[in-house]
């Protein structure tokens, strides 16, 4: 398979988003679970331990969505 990186990077944002959506949907259609790399597992464990040690270090889901809405509204 040959993919021209320069051509991909030159695509308009709408086309890039369409490709990302196509790839994401295809990954979700796979019959077996996707492998999780060891570095991602280690990172998740580290963050879980940090949250257990200090639950106030994170933010709630509601706060995340409030920040997203605030960012979108400028």
PDB file of N, CA and C in Angstrom:
ATOM      1  N   UNK A   1       0.850  -1.179   0.000  1.00  0.00           N
ATOM      2  CA  UNK A   1       0.000   0.000   0.000  1.00  0.00           C
ATOM      3  C   UNK A   1       0.891   1.236   0.000  1.00  0.00           C
ATOM      4  N   UNK A   2       0.575   2.155  -0.859  1.00  0.00           N
ATOM      5  CA  UNK A   2       1.348   3.376  -0.943  1.00  0.00           C
ATOM      6  C   UNK A   2       0.433   4.574  -0.694  1.00  0.00           C
ATOM      7  N   UNK A   3       0.742   5.333   0.335  1.00  0.00           N
ATOM      8  CA  UNK A   3      -0.032   6.530   0.667  1.00  0.00           C
ATOM      9  C   UNK A   3       0.905   7.725   0.550  1.00  0.00           C
ATOM     10  N   UNK A   4       0.473   8.711  -0.207  1.00  0.00           N
ATOM     11  CA  UNK A   4       1.284   9.909  -0.377  1.00  0.00           C
ATOM     12  C   UNK A   4       0.969  10.869   0.769  1.00  0.00           C
ATOM     13  N   UNK A   5       1.895  10.956   1.705  1.00  0.00           N
ATOM     14  CA  UNK A   5       1.700  11.781   2.905  1.00  0.00           C
ATOM     15  C   UNK A   5       1.451  13.246   2.556  1.00  0.00           C
ATOM     16  N   UNK A   6       2.207  13.760   1.597  1.00  0.00           N
ATOM     17  CA  UNK A   6       2.053  15.174   1.212  1.00  0.00           C
ATOM     18  C   UNK A   6       0.653  15.445   0.675  1.00  0.00           C
ATOM     19  N   UNK A   7       0.117  14.511  -0.103  1.00  0.00           N
ATOM     20  CA  UNK A   7      -1.237  14.684  -0.634  1.00  0.00           C
ATOM     21  C   UNK A   7      -2.270  14.650   0.492  1.00  0.00           C
ATOM     22  N   UNK A   8      -2.085  13.748   1.442  1.00  0.00           N
ATOM     23  CA  UNK A   8      -3.008  13.686   2.580  1.00  0.00           C
ATOM     24  C   UNK A   8      -2.988  14.984   3.379  1.00  0.00           C
ATOM     25  N   UNK A   9      -1.790  15.474   3.651  1.00  0.00           N
ATOM     26  CA  UNK A   9      -1.668  16.697   4.436  1.00  0.00           C
ATOM     27  C   UNK A   9      -2.203  17.922   3.700  1.00  0.00           C
ATOM     28  N   UNK A  10      -2.246  17.853   2.377  1.00  0.00           N
ATOM     29  CA  UNK A  10      -2.734  18.977   1.579  1.00  0.00           C
ATOM     30  C   UNK A  10      -4.260  18.984   1.426  1.00  0.00           C
ATOM     31  N   UNK A  11      -4.906  17.924   1.868  1.00  0.00           N
ATOM     32  CA  UNK A  11      -6.366  17.853   1.740  1.00  0.00           C
ATOM     33  C   UNK A  11      -7.033  18.937   2.576  1.00  0.00           C
ATOM     34  N   UNK A  12      -8.200  19.399   2.135  1.00  0.00           N
ATOM     35  CA  UNK A  12      -8.944  20.360   2.958  1.00  0.00           C
ATOM     36  C   UNK A  12      -9.432  19.678   4.242  1.00  0.00           C
ATOM     37  N   UNK A  13      -9.682  20.474   5.253  1.00  0.00           N
ATOM     38  CA  UNK A  13     -10.049  19.951   6.561  1.00  0.00           C
ATOM     39  C   UNK A  13     -11.272  19.034   6.491  1.00  0.00           C
ATOM     40  N   UNK A  14     -12.241  19.361   5.652  1.00  0.00           N
ATOM     41  CA  UNK A  14     -13.444  18.531   5.538  1.00  0.00           C
ATOM     42  C   UNK A  14     -13.093  17.120   5.065  1.00  0.00           C
ATOM     43  N   UNK A  15     -12.191  17.023   4.104  1.00  0.00           N
ATOM     44  CA  UNK A  15     -11.771  15.723   3.585  1.00  0.00           C
ATOM     45  C   UNK A  15     -10.974  14.953   4.634  1.00  0.00           C
ATOM     46  N   UNK A  16     -10.138  15.658   5.395  1.00  0.00           N
ATOM     47  CA  UNK A  16      -9.375  15.007   6.459  1.00  0.00           C
ATOM     48  C   UNK A  16     -10.321  14.433   7.512  1.00  0.00           C
ATOM     49  N   UNK A  17     -11.321  15.222   7.889  1.00  0.00           N
ATOM     50  CA  UNK A  17     -12.286  14.746   8.888  1.00  0.00           C
ATOM     51  C   UNK A  17     -13.067  13.543   8.375  1.00  0.00           C
ATOM     52  N   UNK A  18     -13.405  13.551   7.110  1.00  0.00           N
ATOM     53  CA  UNK A  18     -14.108  12.416   6.511  1.00  0.00           C
ATOM     54  C   UNK A  18     -13.246  11.154   6.570  1.00  0.00           C
ATOM     55  N   UNK A  19     -11.961  11.302   6.277  1.00  0.00           N
ATOM     56  CA  UNK A  19     -11.045  10.161   6.344  1.00  0.00           C
ATOM     57  C   UNK A  19     -10.899   9.648   7.779  1.00  0.00           C
ATOM     58  N   UNK A  20     -10.790  10.564   8.726  1.00  0.00           N
ATOM     59  CA  UNK A  20     -10.678  10.162  10.130  1.00  0.00           C
ATOM     60  C   UNK A  20     -11.921   9.398  10.556  1.00  0.00           C
ATOM     61  N   UNK A  21     -13.086   9.896  10.175  1.00  0.00           N
ATOM     62  CA  UNK A  21     -14.339   9.219  10.524  1.00  0.00           C
ATOM     63  C   UNK A  21     -14.404   7.830   9.894  1.00  0.00           C
ATOM     64  N   UNK A  22     -14.008   7.725   8.645  1.00  0.00           N
ATOM     65  CA  UNK A  22     -13.997   6.438   7.958  1.00  0.00           C
ATOM     66  C   UNK A  22     -13.079   5.445   8.674  1.00  0.00           C
ATOM     67  N   UNK A  23     -11.874   5.899   9.009  1.00  0.00           N
ATOM     68  CA  UNK A  23     -10.922   5.028   9.708  1.00  0.00           C
ATOM     69  C   UNK A  23     -11.432   4.645  11.098  1.00  0.00           C
ATOM     70  N   UNK A  24     -11.985   5.620  11.835  1.00  0.00           N
ATOM     71  CA  UNK A  24     -12.493   5.350  13.180  1.00  0.00           C
ATOM     72  C   UNK A  24     -13.618   4.314  13.132  1.00  0.00           C
ATOM     73  N   UNK A  25     -14.549   4.494  12.208  1.00  0.00           N
ATOM     74  CA  UNK A  25     -15.654   3.542  12.074  1.00  0.00           C
ATOM     75  C   UNK A  25     -15.136   2.161  11.714  1.00  0.00           C
ATOM     76  N   UNK A  26     -14.134   2.097  10.846  1.00  0.00           N
ATOM     77  CA  UNK A  26     -13.568   0.821  10.453  1.00  0.00           C
ATOM     78  C   UNK A  26     -12.904   0.125  11.633  1.00  0.00           C
ATOM     79  N   UNK A  27     -12.200   0.889  12.461  1.00  0.00           N
ATOM     80  CA  UNK A  27     -11.577   0.294  13.653  1.00  0.00           C
ATOM     81  C   UNK A  27     -12.638  -0.281  14.587  1.00  0.00           C
ATOM     82  N   UNK A  28     -13.762   0.426  14.725  1.00  0.00           N
ATOM     83  CA  UNK A  28     -14.840  -0.040  15.589  1.00  0.00           C
ATOM     84  C   UNK A  28     -15.535  -1.276  15.062  1.00  0.00           C
ATOM     85  N   UNK A  29     -15.438  -1.520  13.773  1.00  0.00           N
ATOM     86  CA  UNK A  29     -16.081  -2.683  13.158  1.00  0.00           C
ATOM     87  C   UNK A  29     -15.247  -3.960  13.267  1.00  0.00           C
ATOM     88  N   UNK A  30     -14.049  -3.861  13.800  1.00  0.00           N
ATOM     89  CA  UNK A  30     -13.175  -5.028  13.895  1.00  0.00           C
ATOM     90  C   UNK A  30     -13.768  -6.039  14.881  1.00  0.00           C
ATOM     91  N   UNK A  31     -13.702  -7.331  14.560  1.00  0.00           N
ATOM     92  CA  UNK A  31     -14.318  -8.345  15.412  1.00  0.00           C
ATOM     93  C   UNK A  31     -13.596  -8.558  16.747  1.00  0.00           C
ATOM     94  N   UNK A  32     -12.308  -8.267  16.798  1.00  0.00           N
ATOM     95  CA  UNK A  32     -11.573  -8.482  18.043  1.00  0.00           C
ATOM     96  C   UNK A  32     -11.194  -7.125  18.645  1.00  0.00           C
ATOM     97  N   UNK A  33     -10.981  -7.102  19.957  1.00  0.00           N
ATOM     98  CA  UNK A  33     -10.597  -5.836  20.590  1.00  0.00           C
ATOM     99  C   UNK A  33      -9.275  -5.316  20.043  1.00  0.00           C
ATOM    100  N   UNK A  34      -9.160  -4.020  20.011  1.00  0.00           N
ATOM    101  CA  UNK A  34      -7.915  -3.404  19.559  1.00  0.00           C
ATOM    102  C   UNK A  34      -6.864  -3.554  20.658  1.00  0.00           C
ATOM    103  N   UNK A  35      -5.632  -3.815  20.281  1.00  0.00           N
ATOM    104  CA  UNK A  35      -4.587  -3.946  21.295  1.00  0.00           C
ATOM    105  C   UNK A  35      -4.287  -2.588  21.935  1.00  0.00           C
ATOM    106  N   UNK A  36      -4.047  -2.610  23.228  1.00  0.00           N
ATOM    107  CA  UNK A  36      -3.669  -1.396  23.949  1.00  0.00           C
ATOM    108  C   UNK A  36      -2.172  -1.483  24.203  1.00  0.00           C
ATOM    109  N   UNK A  37      -1.417  -0.494  23.729  1.00  0.00           N
ATOM    110  CA  UNK A  37       0.034  -0.560  23.916  1.00  0.00           C
ATOM    111  C   UNK A  37       0.395  -0.446  25.396  1.00  0.00           C
ATOM    112  N   UNK A  38       1.486  -1.092  25.791  1.00  0.00           N
ATOM    113  CA  UNK A  38       1.901  -1.061  27.199  1.00  0.00           C
ATOM    114  C   UNK A  38       2.043   0.357  27.769  1.00  0.00           C
ATOM    115  N   UNK A  39       2.526   1.310  26.963  1.00  0.00           N
ATOM    116  CA  UNK A  39       2.693   2.670  27.464  1.00  0.00           C
ATOM    117  C   UNK A  39       1.348   3.281  27.847  1.00  0.00           C
ATOM    118  N   UNK A  40       0.281   2.950  27.125  1.00  0.00           N
ATOM    119  CA  UNK A  40      -1.034   3.501  27.429  1.00  0.00           C
ATOM    120  C   UNK A  40      -1.589   2.907  28.722  1.00  0.00           C
ATOM    121  N   UNK A  41      -1.350   1.626  28.929  1.00  0.00           N
ATOM    122  CA  UNK A  41      -1.776   0.970  30.166  1.00  0.00           C
ATOM    123  C   UNK A  41      -1.030   1.577  31.354  1.00  0.00           C
ATOM    124  N   UNK A  42       0.268   1.775  31.205  1.00  0.00           N
ATOM    125  CA  UNK A  42       1.070   2.367  32.278  1.00  0.00           C
ATOM    126  C   UNK A  42       0.595   3.783  32.598  1.00  0.00           C
ATOM    127  N   UNK A  43       0.285   4.547  31.570  1.00  0.00           N
ATOM    128  CA  UNK A  43      -0.181   5.926  31.760  1.00  0.00           C
ATOM    129  C   UNK A  43      -1.530   5.936  32.484  1.00  0.00           C
ATOM    130  N   UNK A  44      -2.427   5.042  32.098  1.00  0.00           N
ATOM    131  CA  UNK A  44      -3.739   4.968  32.745  1.00  0.00           C
ATOM    132  C   UNK A  44      -3.600   4.587  34.221  1.00  0.00           C
ATOM    133  N   UNK A  45      -2.727   3.646  34.519  1.00  0.00           N
ATOM    134  CA  UNK A  45      -2.498   3.236  35.911  1.00  0.00           C
ATOM    135  C   UNK A  45      -1.913   4.382  36.723  1.00  0.00           C
ATOM    136  N   UNK A  46      -0.973   5.110  36.126  1.00  0.00           N
ATOM    137  CA  UNK A  46      -0.375   6.250  36.817  1.00  0.00           C
ATOM    138  C   UNK A  46      -1.436   7.294  37.142  1.00  0.00           C
ATOM    139  N   UNK A  47      -2.280   7.610  36.181  1.00  0.00           N
ATOM    140  CA  UNK A  47      -3.327   8.613  36.405  1.00  0.00           C
ATOM    141  C   UNK A  47      -4.345   8.132  37.430  1.00  0.00           C
ATOM    142  N   UNK A  48      -4.673   6.838  37.391  1.00  0.00           N
ATOM    143  CA  UNK A  48      -5.602   6.284  38.367  1.00  0.00           C
ATOM    144  C   UNK A  48      -5.008   6.400  39.779  1.00  0.00           C
ATOM    145  N   UNK A  49      -3.730   6.083  39.919  1.00  0.00           N
ATOM    146  CA  UNK A  49      -3.073   6.201  41.219  1.00  0.00           C
ATOM    147  C   UNK A  49      -3.035   7.649  41.702  1.00  0.00           C
ATOM    148  N   UNK A  50      -2.792   8.581  40.801  1.00  0.00           N
ATOM    149  CA  UNK A  50      -2.790  10.004  41.161  1.00  0.00           C
ATOM    150  C   UNK A  50      -4.162  10.445  41.649  1.00  0.00           C
ATOM    151  N   UNK A  51      -5.212   9.984  40.968  1.00  0.00           N
ATOM    152  CA  UNK A  51      -6.569  10.350  41.378  1.00  0.00           C
ATOM    153  C   UNK A  51      -6.941   9.737  42.727  1.00  0.00           C
ATOM    154  N   UNK A  52      -6.497   8.496  42.970  1.00  0.00           N
ATOM    155  CA  UNK A  52      -6.754   7.858  44.268  1.00  0.00           C
ATOM    156  C   UNK A  52      -6.026   8.598  45.384  1.00  0.00           C
ATOM    157  N   UNK A  53      -4.812   9.040  45.109  1.00  0.00           N
ATOM    158  CA  UNK A  53      -4.015   9.742  46.114  1.00  0.00           C
ATOM    159  C   UNK A  53      -4.591  11.122  46.409  1.00  0.00           C
ATOM    160  N   UNK A  54      -5.138  11.779  45.396  1.00  0.00           N
ATOM    161  CA  UNK A  54      -5.697  13.128  45.576  1.00  0.00           C
ATOM    162  C   UNK A  54      -6.895  13.314  44.650  1.00  0.00           C
ATOM    163  N   UNK A  55      -8.091  12.913  45.132  1.00  0.00           N
ATOM    164  CA  UNK A  55      -9.294  13.020  44.287  1.00  0.00           C
ATOM    165  C   UNK A  55      -9.613  14.442  43.824  1.00  0.00           C
ATOM    166  N   UNK A  56      -9.079  15.440  44.513  1.00  0.00           N
ATOM    167  CA  UNK A  56      -9.346  16.825  44.111  1.00  0.00           C
ATOM    168  C   UNK A  56      -8.466  17.275  42.953  1.00  0.00           C
ATOM    169  N   UNK A  57      -7.535  16.416  42.519  1.00  0.00           N
ATOM    170  CA  UNK A  57      -6.628  16.808  41.438  1.00  0.00           C
ATOM    171  C   UNK A  57      -7.299  16.780  40.070  1.00  0.00           C
ATOM    172  N   UNK A  58      -8.443  16.150  39.962  1.00  0.00           N
ATOM    173  CA  UNK A  58      -9.149  16.069  38.687  1.00  0.00           C
ATOM    174  C   UNK A  58     -10.359  16.989  38.664  1.00  0.00           C
ATOM    175  N   UNK A  59     -11.074  16.952  37.567  1.00  0.00           N
ATOM    176  CA  UNK A  59     -12.312  17.725  37.448  1.00  0.00           C
ATOM    177  C   UNK A  59     -13.448  16.786  37.059  1.00  0.00           C
ATOM    178  N   UNK A  60     -14.646  17.194  37.382  1.00  0.00           N
ATOM    179  CA  UNK A  60     -15.817  16.369  37.090  1.00  0.00           C
ATOM    180  C   UNK A  60     -16.152  16.412  35.600  1.00  0.00           C
ATOM    181  N   UNK A  61     -16.964  15.450  35.202  1.00  0.00           N
ATOM    182  CA  UNK A  61     -17.428  15.423  33.814  1.00  0.00           C
ATOM    183  C   UNK A  61     -18.215  16.690  33.499  1.00  0.00           C
ATOM    184  N   UNK A  62     -19.014  17.133  34.451  1.00  0.00           N
ATOM    185  CA  UNK A  62     -19.793  18.355  34.255  1.00  0.00           C
ATOM    186  C   UNK A  62     -18.883  19.565  34.017  1.00  0.00           C
ATOM    187  N   UNK A  63     -17.776  19.626  34.755  1.00  0.00           N
ATOM    188  CA  UNK A  63     -16.833  20.727  34.584  1.00  0.00           C
ATOM    189  C   UNK A  63     -16.163  20.673  33.215  1.00  0.00           C
ATOM    190  N   UNK A  64     -15.832  19.494  32.778  1.00  0.00           N
ATOM    191  CA  UNK A  64     -15.235  19.349  31.446  1.00  0.00           C
ATOM    192  C   UNK A  64     -16.189  19.893  30.391  1.00  0.00           C
ATOM    193  N   UNK A  65     -17.465  19.475  30.438  1.00  0.00           N
ATOM    194  CA  UNK A  65     -18.437  19.928  29.445  1.00  0.00           C
ATOM    195  C   UNK A  65     -18.704  21.424  29.566  1.00  0.00           C
ATOM    196  N   UNK A  66     -18.644  21.972  30.789  1.00  0.00           N
ATOM    197  CA  UNK A  66     -18.809  23.408  30.944  1.00  0.00           C
ATOM    198  C   UNK A  66     -17.665  24.142  30.238  1.00  0.00           C
ATOM    199  N   UNK A  67     -16.457  23.620  30.390  1.00  0.00           N
ATOM    200  CA  UNK A  67     -15.295  24.232  29.735  1.00  0.00           C
ATOM    201  C   UNK A  67     -15.377  24.135  28.225  1.00  0.00           C
ATOM    202  N   UNK A  68     -15.858  22.994  27.737  1.00  0.00           N
ATOM    203  CA  UNK A  68     -16.030  22.828  26.285  1.00  0.00           C
ATOM    204  C   UNK A  68     -17.022  23.852  25.764  1.00  0.00           C
ATOM    205  N   UNK A  69     -18.168  23.982  26.452  1.00  0.00           N
ATOM    206  CA  UNK A  69     -19.192  24.933  26.029  1.00  0.00           C
ATOM    207  C   UNK A  69     -18.654  26.372  26.087  1.00  0.00           C
ATOM    208  N   UNK A  70     -17.912  26.671  27.132  1.00  0.00           N
ATOM    209  CA  UNK A  70     -17.334  28.007  27.265  1.00  0.00           C
ATOM    210  C   UNK A  70     -16.361  28.305  26.133  1.00  0.00           C
ATOM    211  N   UNK A  71     -15.559  27.319  25.788  1.00  0.00           N
ATOM    212  CA  UNK A  71     -14.593  27.489  24.696  1.00  0.00           C
ATOM    213  C   UNK A  71     -15.305  27.701  23.360  1.00  0.00           C
ATOM    214  N   UNK A  72     -16.370  26.928  23.143  1.00  0.00           N
ATOM    215  CA  UNK A  72     -17.111  27.044  21.881  1.00  0.00           C
ATOM    216  C   UNK A  72     -17.784  28.401  21.757  1.00  0.00           C
ATOM    217  N   UNK A  73     -18.253  28.930  22.869  1.00  0.00           N
ATOM    218  CA  UNK A  73     -18.977  30.200  22.840  1.00  0.00           C
ATOM    219  C   UNK A  73     -18.055  31.410  22.904  1.00  0.00           C
ATOM    220  N   UNK A  74     -16.777  31.145  23.076  1.00  0.00           N
ATOM    221  CA  UNK A  74     -15.787  32.208  23.063  1.00  0.00           C
ATOM    222  C   UNK A  74     -15.835  33.007  24.297  1.00  0.00           C
TER     223      UNK A  74
END
